[in-house]
Amino acid sequence: MKAQPRMVAYIAMLLTVYTGINFYLGWHALEWFDAVGFPYRPWVFWLILGLLAYGYLLGRVKLPQALKPIGRLLKVIGSYYIFVMEAGFILFVLADLVRLFVWLFGGDTVNYASYSGGIVLGLLAILLAVGSRNAWSPVIREYDLNIDKPSVGVKKEWKVAVASDIHLGNVVGRKHLRRLVGRMNAMNPDLILLPGDVIDDSIEPFIRNRMGELLGQLRAAHGVYAVLGNHEYYGGHIERYVAEMNKLGIRVLQDEVAEIDGALYVAGRKDKTAEAAGSNGRIAVGELIRELDHSKPILLMDHQPTKFAEAAEAGADVMLSGHTHRGQFAPNHLFTRRLFELDWGYMRKGAMHVVVSSGFGTWGPPIRIGSRSEIIFIRIKLN
């Protein structure tokens, strides 16, 4: 009970800051309207801005069946606004600093609002176009990983296709999923691994839009495996989600290990979010893989890229994660870089290879600046 007032105060502070940012943007927009002579009614403007600013939150409110399409529309529009708000705030702050500089040195700022507002609007349009292209046009990143362990039989190389953070929902849907299935299957992989956040919170749009029909078309010689991400936990539909994935032939590993053809292991951890459930939320990585035959390669999926040293010490050979989106749009990557030992790309931790993906889908707006939607293709080479 002691933590509850603290949480309320924290949420109130966030909402106050969020509202302040949007008021700042609204003030600048009206300043530009006045400068260029654009007609408007203040109450209509602030009502529309309020719907945009809080659309993503309002879209998550449970509505009667007849009103659900309105909720979905608000969520989609509100997701785009998240990017517009952050980018617009940064651009207008820079514009105000330039205006202050011009004023301090005696320059003319009478017509500044009309020029600065137009420039900000143009830059936002460019960023939206570039960011959409980066989000909807995935790239394939390849890694050759050598593991100093003997191969079983004649197979000395394993081809592994990896896609984290697909975020299937109201924003990322069948069209983007079709790209994933086509490109992954074209790799002719031995394994397909999905390290969490396959769905974006609610399972409802996944079911309604029959996305399982497409996801179930993923093909790999030795199977498709997934783990839970934080968004599967947020949605609260884990049992149903796991059941739906089982129907598709995709095994969701929850602190479990699958032995692949007697040649290697795929270990999957529950997401770090499960730790909030108490000491039994998820088991330690050492406990998960301790009893395995460590003469065989061990591939570990853990959605959030944390505790690399523990995984390496436990004997994992490859650790695959996602979660960070590499910040999704700049300058958020500056924060993810500080929060995580590795927020994107590859590193070596002792004898263990670590690969963190920026993800195939997006959370919130389907916009990426300074990152790309990606599929990972790994060649694991054994002795």
Protein backbone atom coordinates (compact mmCIF):
# COMPACT_ATOMS: atom_id res chain seq x y z
CA MET A 1 0.00 0.00 0.00
CA LYS A 2 2.94 2.36 0.64
CA ALA A 3 4.03 2.12 -2.97
CA GLN A 4 0.60 3.09 -4.32
CA PRO A 5 0.73 6.86 -3.53
CA ARG A 6 4.24 6.95 -4.97
CA MET A 7 3.01 5.34 -8.19
CA VAL A 8 0.07 7.75 -8.42
CA ALA A 9 2.45 10.69 -7.95
CA TYR A 10 4.80 9.31 -10.63
CA ILE A 11 1.97 8.85 -13.14
CA ALA A 12 0.63 12.32 -12.33
CA MET A 13 4.08 13.81 -12.95
CA LEU A 14 4.38 12.01 -16.30
CA LEU A 15 0.95 13.19 -17.40
CA THR A 16 1.79 16.75 -16.36
CA VAL A 17 5.00 16.74 -18.38
CA TYR A 18 3.24 15.10 -21.33
CA THR A 19 0.45 17.66 -21.24
CA GLY A 20 2.99 20.48 -21.00
CA ILE A 21 4.84 19.25 -24.09
CA ASN A 22 1.62 19.11 -26.06
CA PHE A 23 0.59 22.57 -24.89
CA TYR A 24 3.99 23.84 -26.07
CA LEU A 25 3.42 22.25 -29.49
CA GLY A 26 -0.11 23.63 -29.69
CA TRP A 27 1.07 27.14 -28.82
CA HIS A 28 3.66 26.99 -31.61
CA ALA A 29 1.11 25.69 -34.10
CA LEU A 30 -1.28 28.55 -33.31
CA GLU A 31 1.59 31.05 -33.53
CA TRP A 32 2.32 29.77 -37.03
CA PHE A 33 -1.39 29.84 -37.99
CA ASP A 34 -1.55 33.50 -36.94
CA ALA A 35 1.67 34.33 -38.79
CA VAL A 36 0.49 32.88 -42.10
CA GLY A 37 -3.15 33.91 -41.70
CA PHE A 38 -4.58 30.40 -41.41
CA PRO A 39 -8.17 30.55 -40.01
CA TYR A 40 -9.07 28.42 -36.99
CA ARG A 41 -11.33 28.19 -33.99
CA PRO A 42 -9.35 27.75 -30.77
CA TRP A 43 -11.73 25.28 -29.13
CA VAL A 44 -11.80 23.09 -32.27
CA PHE A 45 -8.01 23.19 -32.50
CA TRP A 46 -7.45 22.18 -28.86
CA LEU A 47 -10.09 19.46 -29.06
CA ILE A 48 -8.40 17.91 -32.11
CA LEU A 49 -4.97 18.22 -30.51
CA GLY A 50 -6.27 16.58 -27.34
CA LEU A 51 -7.65 13.63 -29.33
CA LEU A 52 -4.34 13.26 -31.14
CA ALA A 53 -2.26 13.58 -28.00
CA TYR A 54 -4.28 11.07 -25.98
CA GLY A 55 -5.56 8.96 -28.88
CA TYR A 56 -3.19 6.08 -28.23
CA LEU A 57 -4.30 5.86 -24.60
CA LEU A 58 -7.98 6.33 -25.45
CA GLY A 59 -7.70 3.60 -28.09
CA ARG A 60 -6.75 1.12 -25.36
CA VAL A 61 -9.95 1.72 -23.37
CA LYS A 62 -12.45 -1.14 -23.58
CA LEU A 63 -15.39 -0.08 -25.73
CA PRO A 64 -18.68 -1.67 -26.80
CA GLN A 65 -18.41 -3.81 -29.94
CA ALA A 66 -20.03 -1.13 -32.13
CA LEU A 67 -17.45 1.47 -31.05
CA LYS A 68 -14.34 -0.72 -31.30
CA PRO A 69 -13.46 0.49 -34.85
CA ILE A 70 -13.30 4.04 -33.44
CA GLY A 71 -10.94 2.85 -30.70
CA ARG A 72 -8.70 1.14 -33.25
CA LEU A 73 -8.63 4.30 -35.39
CA LEU A 74 -7.69 6.43 -32.39
CA LYS A 75 -4.90 4.00 -31.50
CA VAL A 76 -3.43 4.05 -35.02
CA ILE A 77 -3.63 7.84 -35.40
CA GLY A 78 -2.37 8.31 -31.85
CA SER A 79 0.60 6.06 -32.55
CA TYR A 80 1.72 8.29 -35.42
CA TYR A 81 1.26 11.33 -33.22
CA ILE A 82 3.74 9.91 -30.70
CA PHE A 83 6.48 10.43 -33.29
CA VAL A 84 5.13 13.81 -34.44
CA MET A 85 5.06 14.98 -30.82
CA GLU A 86 8.64 13.94 -30.01
CA ALA A 87 10.15 15.14 -33.29
CA GLY A 88 8.08 18.34 -33.26
CA PHE A 89 9.10 19.13 -29.70
CA ILE A 90 12.80 18.74 -30.53
CA LEU A 91 12.51 20.82 -33.72
CA PHE A 92 10.57 23.64 -32.07
CA VAL A 93 13.02 23.78 -29.16
CA LEU A 94 15.87 24.12 -31.68
CA ALA A 95 13.87 26.78 -33.54
CA ASP A 96 13.32 28.73 -30.31
CA LEU A 97 17.03 28.58 -29.51
CA VAL A 98 17.80 30.00 -32.94
CA ARG A 99 15.17 32.72 -32.41
CA LEU A 100 16.77 33.60 -29.06
CA PHE A 101 20.19 33.76 -30.70
CA VAL A 102 18.87 36.05 -33.48
CA TRP A 103 17.14 38.31 -30.93
CA LEU A 104 20.22 38.57 -28.71
CA PHE A 105 22.30 39.77 -31.65
CA GLY A 106 19.72 42.32 -32.76
CA GLY A 107 18.24 40.40 -35.66
CA ASP A 108 14.68 40.73 -36.97
CA THR A 109 12.31 38.17 -35.41
CA VAL A 110 9.02 39.73 -36.57
CA ASN A 111 8.45 37.18 -39.34
CA TYR A 112 10.39 34.39 -37.66
CA ALA A 113 7.32 32.33 -36.68
CA SER A 114 6.08 32.02 -40.27
CA TYR A 115 9.47 30.79 -41.53
CA SER A 116 10.30 28.52 -38.59
CA GLY A 117 6.85 26.93 -38.55
CA GLY A 118 7.05 26.16 -42.26
CA ILE A 119 10.52 24.68 -41.90
CA VAL A 120 9.45 22.48 -38.97
CA LEU A 121 6.40 21.27 -40.91
CA GLY A 122 8.57 20.44 -43.92
CA LEU A 123 11.13 18.58 -41.81
CA LEU A 124 8.38 16.59 -40.11
CA ALA A 125 7.02 15.54 -43.51
CA ILE A 126 10.50 14.39 -44.60
CA LEU A 127 11.09 12.51 -41.35
CA LEU A 128 7.72 10.78 -41.63
CA ALA A 129 8.50 9.67 -45.19
CA VAL A 130 12.01 8.44 -44.37
CA GLY A 131 10.87 6.85 -41.10
CA SER A 132 8.02 4.99 -42.82
CA ARG A 133 10.39 3.65 -45.42
CA ASN A 134 12.81 2.43 -42.72
CA ALA A 135 9.95 0.73 -40.84
CA TRP A 136 8.23 -0.99 -43.76
CA SER A 137 11.31 -1.97 -45.80
CA PRO A 138 13.21 -4.51 -43.67
CA VAL A 139 16.83 -5.40 -44.26
CA ILE A 140 18.56 -8.73 -43.68
CA ARG A 141 21.61 -8.64 -41.41
CA GLU A 142 23.93 -11.62 -41.57
CA TYR A 143 26.30 -12.99 -38.94
CA ASP A 144 28.79 -15.86 -39.22
CA LEU A 145 29.32 -17.32 -35.75
CA ASN A 146 32.02 -19.90 -35.07
CA ILE A 147 31.43 -22.21 -32.10
CA ASP A 148 34.33 -24.33 -30.91
CA LYS A 149 32.31 -27.50 -30.50
CA PRO A 150 32.22 -30.66 -32.60
CA SER A 151 29.34 -31.18 -35.00
CA VAL A 152 27.04 -34.17 -34.65
CA GLY A 153 26.94 -36.24 -37.84
CA VAL A 154 27.83 -34.48 -41.08
CA LYS A 155 26.11 -31.14 -40.41
CA LYS A 156 28.81 -28.57 -39.66
CA GLU A 157 26.74 -25.45 -40.40
CA TRP A 158 23.30 -24.39 -39.16
CA LYS A 159 21.29 -21.64 -40.82
CA VAL A 160 19.16 -19.75 -38.29
CA ALA A 161 16.63 -17.04 -39.19
CA VAL A 162 15.67 -14.68 -36.36
CA ALA A 163 12.91 -12.05 -36.09
CA SER A 164 12.23 -10.29 -32.81
CA ASP A 165 9.63 -7.67 -31.90
CA ILE A 166 7.17 -8.26 -34.72
CA HIS A 167 4.42 -6.50 -32.72
CA LEU A 168 1.47 -7.83 -34.69
CA GLY A 169 -1.61 -5.76 -33.92
CA ASN A 170 -3.62 -2.82 -35.22
CA VAL A 171 -0.59 -1.07 -36.73
CA VAL A 172 1.65 -3.92 -37.88
CA GLY A 173 -0.60 -6.32 -39.77
CA ARG A 174 -0.84 -8.92 -42.49
CA LYS A 175 1.03 -6.97 -45.17
CA HIS A 176 4.20 -6.62 -43.11
CA LEU A 177 3.84 -10.16 -41.80
CA ARG A 178 3.68 -11.43 -45.38
CA ARG A 179 7.07 -9.78 -46.00
CA LEU A 180 8.48 -11.62 -42.98
CA VAL A 181 7.20 -15.03 -44.05
CA GLY A 182 8.39 -14.64 -47.64
CA ARG A 183 11.89 -13.48 -46.75
CA MET A 184 12.43 -15.96 -43.95
CA ASN A 185 11.27 -18.92 -46.00
CA ALA A 186 13.50 -17.80 -48.88
CA MET A 187 16.50 -18.28 -46.57
CA ASN A 188 15.68 -22.01 -46.39
CA PRO A 189 16.67 -22.00 -42.69
CA ASP A 190 17.32 -24.95 -40.44
CA LEU A 191 15.72 -23.07 -37.53
CA ILE A 192 13.48 -20.05 -37.16
CA LEU A 193 13.65 -18.26 -33.81
CA LEU A 194 11.29 -15.51 -32.58
CA PRO A 195 12.74 -13.86 -29.43
CA GLY A 196 9.60 -12.24 -28.04
CA ASP A 197 6.96 -9.54 -28.67
CA VAL A 198 5.39 -11.42 -31.56
CA ILE A 199 2.11 -9.65 -30.74
CA ASP A 200 1.56 -6.06 -29.62
CA ASP A 201 -0.24 -6.37 -26.29
CA SER A 202 -3.74 -7.52 -27.25
CA ILE A 203 -4.26 -10.80 -29.08
CA GLU A 204 -7.60 -9.54 -30.46
CA PRO A 205 -6.33 -8.08 -33.78
CA PHE A 206 -4.11 -11.16 -34.27
CA ILE A 207 -7.23 -13.35 -34.11
CA ARG A 208 -9.61 -10.96 -35.90
CA ASN A 209 -7.29 -10.46 -38.88
CA ARG A 210 -6.35 -14.17 -39.06
CA MET A 211 -2.66 -13.40 -38.85
CA GLY A 212 -2.03 -16.94 -37.66
CA GLU A 213 -2.80 -18.14 -41.19
CA LEU A 214 0.29 -16.28 -42.39
CA LEU A 215 2.54 -16.83 -39.37
CA GLY A 216 1.88 -20.57 -39.59
CA GLN A 217 3.42 -20.56 -43.08
CA LEU A 218 6.92 -20.10 -41.64
CA ARG A 219 8.98 -23.11 -42.64
CA ALA A 220 12.26 -24.37 -41.19
CA ALA A 221 13.80 -27.83 -41.48
CA HIS A 222 14.04 -28.25 -37.70
CA GLY A 223 11.13 -26.14 -36.51
CA VAL A 224 10.04 -22.69 -35.35
CA TYR A 225 10.51 -21.62 -31.72
CA ALA A 226 9.53 -18.47 -29.81
CA VAL A 227 9.76 -16.96 -26.34
CA LEU A 228 7.56 -14.46 -24.52
CA GLY A 229 8.32 -10.75 -24.57
CA ASN A 230 7.14 -8.02 -22.26
CA HIS A 231 4.23 -7.17 -24.58
CA GLU A 232 2.79 -10.68 -24.37
CA TYR A 233 2.70 -10.16 -20.61
CA TYR A 234 1.17 -6.68 -20.92
CA GLY A 235 -1.67 -8.08 -23.04
CA GLY A 236 -2.58 -10.64 -20.39
CA HIS A 237 -3.42 -13.34 -22.94
CA ILE A 238 -0.42 -15.63 -22.49
CA GLU A 239 -2.32 -18.92 -22.22
CA ARG A 240 -4.42 -18.20 -25.28
CA TYR A 241 -1.40 -16.89 -27.17
CA VAL A 242 0.62 -20.03 -26.44
CA ALA A 243 -2.34 -22.19 -27.48
CA GLU A 244 -2.67 -20.29 -30.77
CA MET A 245 1.05 -20.64 -31.45
CA ASN A 246 0.88 -24.38 -30.73
CA LYS A 247 -1.88 -24.70 -33.33
CA LEU A 248 0.51 -23.11 -35.83
CA GLY A 249 3.28 -25.57 -34.96
CA ILE A 250 5.32 -22.88 -33.19
CA ARG A 251 6.56 -23.89 -29.76
CA VAL A 252 6.76 -21.12 -27.17
CA LEU A 253 9.58 -21.92 -24.72
CA GLN A 254 8.83 -20.72 -21.19
CA ASP A 255 11.97 -21.50 -19.20
CA GLU A 256 12.24 -24.60 -21.34
CA VAL A 257 14.79 -26.27 -23.59
CA ALA A 258 14.25 -28.02 -26.92
CA GLU A 259 16.85 -30.48 -28.19
CA ILE A 260 17.16 -30.21 -31.96
CA ASP A 261 17.87 -33.48 -33.78
CA GLY A 262 20.29 -34.53 -31.05
CA ALA A 263 22.72 -31.92 -32.36
CA LEU A 264 22.07 -28.69 -30.44
CA TYR A 265 19.77 -27.04 -27.91
CA VAL A 266 17.43 -24.07 -28.10
CA ALA A 267 16.76 -22.66 -24.63
CA GLY A 268 14.05 -20.07 -24.10
CA ARG A 269 13.60 -17.91 -21.01
CA LYS A 270 10.45 -16.25 -19.80
CA ASP A 271 10.63 -12.50 -20.17
CA LYS A 272 12.16 -10.40 -17.39
CA THR A 273 8.64 -9.07 -16.75
CA ALA A 274 7.86 -12.43 -15.12
CA GLU A 275 10.25 -11.56 -12.28
CA ALA A 276 7.60 -9.19 -10.94
CA ALA A 277 5.53 -12.28 -10.15
CA GLY A 278 8.03 -13.21 -7.41
CA SER A 279 10.91 -15.62 -7.04
CA ASN A 280 9.08 -18.25 -9.08
CA GLY A 281 8.47 -15.84 -11.96
CA ARG A 282 11.30 -17.26 -14.02
CA ILE A 283 14.25 -19.47 -13.24
CA ALA A 284 17.88 -18.41 -13.44
CA VAL A 285 19.67 -19.04 -16.70
CA GLY A 286 22.20 -21.26 -14.94
CA GLU A 287 19.42 -23.49 -13.65
CA LEU A 288 17.80 -23.61 -17.08
CA ILE A 289 20.83 -25.00 -18.93
CA ARG A 290 22.89 -26.59 -16.16
CA GLU A 291 21.90 -30.21 -16.91
CA LEU A 292 22.38 -29.99 -20.68
CA ASP A 293 25.17 -31.72 -22.58
CA HIS A 294 27.56 -28.79 -22.91
CA SER A 295 29.53 -30.51 -25.66
CA LYS A 296 26.61 -29.48 -27.92
CA PRO A 297 25.87 -25.89 -28.98
CA ILE A 298 23.36 -24.03 -26.77
CA LEU A 299 21.32 -21.24 -28.34
CA LEU A 300 19.58 -19.04 -25.76
CA MET A 301 16.63 -16.73 -26.41
CA ASP A 302 15.96 -14.03 -23.81
CA HIS A 303 13.79 -11.15 -24.99
CA GLN A 304 15.45 -8.37 -23.00
CA PRO A 305 19.23 -8.07 -23.47
CA THR A 306 20.37 -8.33 -19.86
CA LYS A 307 22.70 -10.45 -17.72
CA PHE A 308 25.07 -11.44 -20.51
CA ALA A 309 27.79 -12.43 -18.02
CA GLU A 310 25.47 -14.88 -16.26
CA ALA A 311 24.44 -16.50 -19.55
CA ALA A 312 28.05 -16.80 -20.69
CA GLU A 313 29.15 -18.28 -17.37
CA ALA A 314 26.26 -20.75 -17.48
CA GLY A 315 27.56 -22.07 -20.82
CA ALA A 316 25.35 -20.52 -23.50
CA ASP A 317 27.11 -20.28 -26.87
CA VAL A 318 24.74 -17.81 -28.56
CA MET A 319 22.31 -15.38 -26.90
CA LEU A 320 19.57 -13.80 -29.01
CA SER A 321 17.55 -10.80 -27.82
CA GLY A 322 15.50 -7.85 -29.05
CA HIS A 323 13.28 -5.47 -27.04
CA THR A 324 15.25 -2.24 -27.53
CA HIS A 325 14.22 -1.45 -31.15
CA ARG A 326 17.51 0.51 -31.02
CA GLY A 327 15.35 3.33 -29.70
CA GLN A 328 13.23 3.06 -32.88
CA PHE A 329 13.71 6.72 -33.71
CA ALA A 330 16.56 9.03 -32.86
CA PRO A 331 17.59 10.37 -30.42
CA ASN A 332 16.04 7.56 -28.32
CA HIS A 333 19.01 5.32 -29.18
CA LEU A 334 21.14 7.49 -26.88
CA PHE A 335 19.02 6.24 -23.97
CA THR A 336 18.89 2.57 -24.98
CA ARG A 337 22.67 2.64 -25.46
CA ARG A 338 23.07 3.69 -21.82
CA LEU A 339 20.41 1.36 -20.45
CA PHE A 340 21.77 -1.84 -21.99
CA GLU A 341 25.23 -3.34 -22.28
CA LEU A 342 24.38 -3.92 -25.94
CA ASP A 343 21.25 -2.32 -27.38
CA TRP A 344 21.78 -3.45 -30.98
CA GLY A 345 24.17 -5.49 -33.07
CA TYR A 346 26.84 -8.01 -32.07
CA MET A 347 29.31 -8.48 -29.26
CA ARG A 348 31.39 -11.25 -27.76
CA LYS A 349 30.93 -11.94 -24.05
CA GLY A 350 33.60 -14.42 -23.05
CA ALA A 351 33.05 -17.41 -25.31
CA MET A 352 29.42 -16.44 -25.98
CA HIS A 353 28.14 -14.64 -29.07
CA VAL A 354 25.45 -12.01 -28.40
CA VAL A 355 23.13 -10.69 -31.11
CA VAL A 356 20.53 -8.02 -30.28
CA SER A 357 18.05 -7.19 -33.03
CA SER A 358 16.37 -3.84 -33.61
CA GLY A 359 13.24 -5.85 -34.42
CA PHE A 360 11.07 -6.52 -37.43
CA GLY A 361 8.01 -4.53 -36.40
CA THR A 362 7.48 -1.37 -34.40
CA TRP A 363 5.85 -0.28 -31.17
CA GLY A 364 3.55 2.71 -31.49
CA PRO A 365 4.24 4.60 -34.72
CA PRO A 366 5.55 2.57 -37.69
CA ILE A 367 8.43 5.02 -37.92
CA ARG A 368 12.17 4.38 -37.66
CA ILE A 369 14.85 7.08 -37.72
CA GLY A 370 18.41 5.88 -37.14
CA SER A 371 17.26 2.24 -37.14
CA ARG A 372 15.79 -0.24 -39.63
CA SER A 373 13.34 -3.07 -39.40
CA GLU A 374 15.43 -6.19 -39.79
CA ILE A 375 15.60 -9.96 -40.04
CA ILE A 376 18.70 -11.68 -38.68
CA PHE A 377 20.32 -14.52 -40.64
CA ILE A 378 22.95 -16.45 -38.71
CA ARG A 379 25.30 -19.13 -39.97
CA ILE A 380 26.53 -21.18 -37.03
CA LYS A 381 29.72 -23.00 -37.96
CA LEU A 382 30.92 -25.95 -35.88
CA ASN A 383 34.19 -27.91 -35.90
